[in-house]
Protein backbone atom coordinates (compact mmCIF):
# COMPACT_ATOMS: atom_id res chain seq x y z
CA UNK A 1 -2.45 12.42 5.56
CA UNK A 2 -2.98 10.63 8.75
CA UNK A 3 -5.05 7.55 9.01
CA UNK A 4 -4.57 5.25 11.93
CA UNK A 5 -4.69 1.73 10.81
CA UNK A 6 -4.55 -1.32 13.03
CA UNK A 7 -4.72 -3.91 10.25
CA UNK A 8 -3.04 -4.52 7.26
CA UNK A 9 -6.55 -5.02 5.58
CA UNK A 10 -7.44 -1.48 6.45
CA UNK A 11 -3.90 -0.25 5.20
CA UNK A 12 -4.41 -2.01 2.11
CA UNK A 13 -7.93 -0.70 1.50
CA UNK A 14 -6.50 2.86 2.51
CA UNK A 15 -3.66 2.50 0.02
CA UNK A 16 -6.05 1.34 -2.88
CA UNK A 17 -8.67 3.85 -2.42
CA UNK A 18 -5.83 6.54 -2.21
CA UNK A 19 -4.45 5.00 -5.53
CA UNK A 20 -7.88 5.18 -7.40
CA UNK A 21 -8.45 8.96 -5.73
CA UNK A 22 -5.30 10.27 -7.67
CA UNK A 23 -6.30 8.50 -10.80
CA UNK A 24 -3.00 5.91 -10.66
CA UNK A 25 -3.57 2.57 -12.61
CA UNK A 26 -2.12 -0.75 -10.48
CA UNK A 27 0.36 -0.61 -13.34
CA UNK A 28 1.46 3.12 -13.18
CA UNK A 29 1.83 2.59 -9.56
CA UNK A 30 3.78 -0.53 -10.12
CA UNK A 31 6.38 1.38 -12.17
CA UNK A 32 6.55 4.39 -9.54
CA UNK A 33 7.52 1.82 -6.99
CA UNK A 34 9.60 -0.31 -9.06
CA UNK A 35 7.44 -3.21 -8.57
CA UNK A 36 5.44 -5.52 -10.89
CA UNK A 37 1.81 -5.00 -12.08
CA UNK A 38 1.13 -8.34 -11.02
CA UNK A 39 2.24 -7.85 -7.42
CA UNK A 40 0.21 -4.65 -6.94
CA UNK A 41 -3.01 -6.61 -8.09
CA UNK A 42 -2.25 -9.43 -5.54
CA UNK A 43 -1.35 -7.05 -2.77
CA UNK A 44 -4.79 -5.31 -3.55
CA UNK A 45 -6.91 -8.01 -4.05
CA UNK A 46 -6.10 -10.51 -1.06
CA UNK A 47 -4.94 -8.14 1.64
CA UNK A 48 -3.60 -10.00 4.89
CA UNK A 49 -3.55 -13.12 3.00
CA UNK A 50 0.20 -12.83 1.63
CA UNK A 51 3.30 -11.45 3.46
CA UNK A 52 4.32 -7.92 2.34
CA UNK A 53 7.70 -6.47 2.98
CA UNK A 54 7.95 -3.30 5.05
CA UNK A 55 9.97 -1.82 1.99
CA UNK A 56 7.39 -2.24 -0.23
CA UNK A 57 4.55 -0.83 1.94
CA UNK A 58 6.68 2.21 2.39
CA UNK A 59 7.28 2.48 -1.26
CA UNK A 60 3.94 2.57 -2.15
CA UNK A 61 2.92 4.68 0.71
CA UNK A 62 5.71 7.40 -0.26
CA UNK A 63 4.05 7.41 -3.83
CA UNK A 64 0.78 7.93 -2.53
CA UNK A 65 1.43 10.54 -0.28
CA UNK A 66 1.16 8.34 3.00
CA UNK A 67 3.74 8.44 6.09
CA UNK A 68 3.76 5.02 7.45
CA UNK A 69 4.46 4.66 11.09
CA UNK A 70 5.22 1.66 12.86
CA UNK A 71 4.10 1.40 16.75
CA UNK A 72 5.19 -1.41 18.82
CA UNK A 73 3.62 -2.60 21.98
CA UNK A 74 5.43 -4.06 24.85
């Protein structure tokens, strides 16, 4: 699945929608990613308001079937 995402809010929304499509609860996702359920909840409810480690984004993306690609501008 490839979705161009230009802002963290869009990425979080896409990941949240995918989680729901797959029928995975926040606590199930947290277990699959070795994260806290509280962290997943905060991640989804306040996109862009808190810093998120790239490793966390990659973990969540991998579990949900996303390939997250970074592009840098000069």
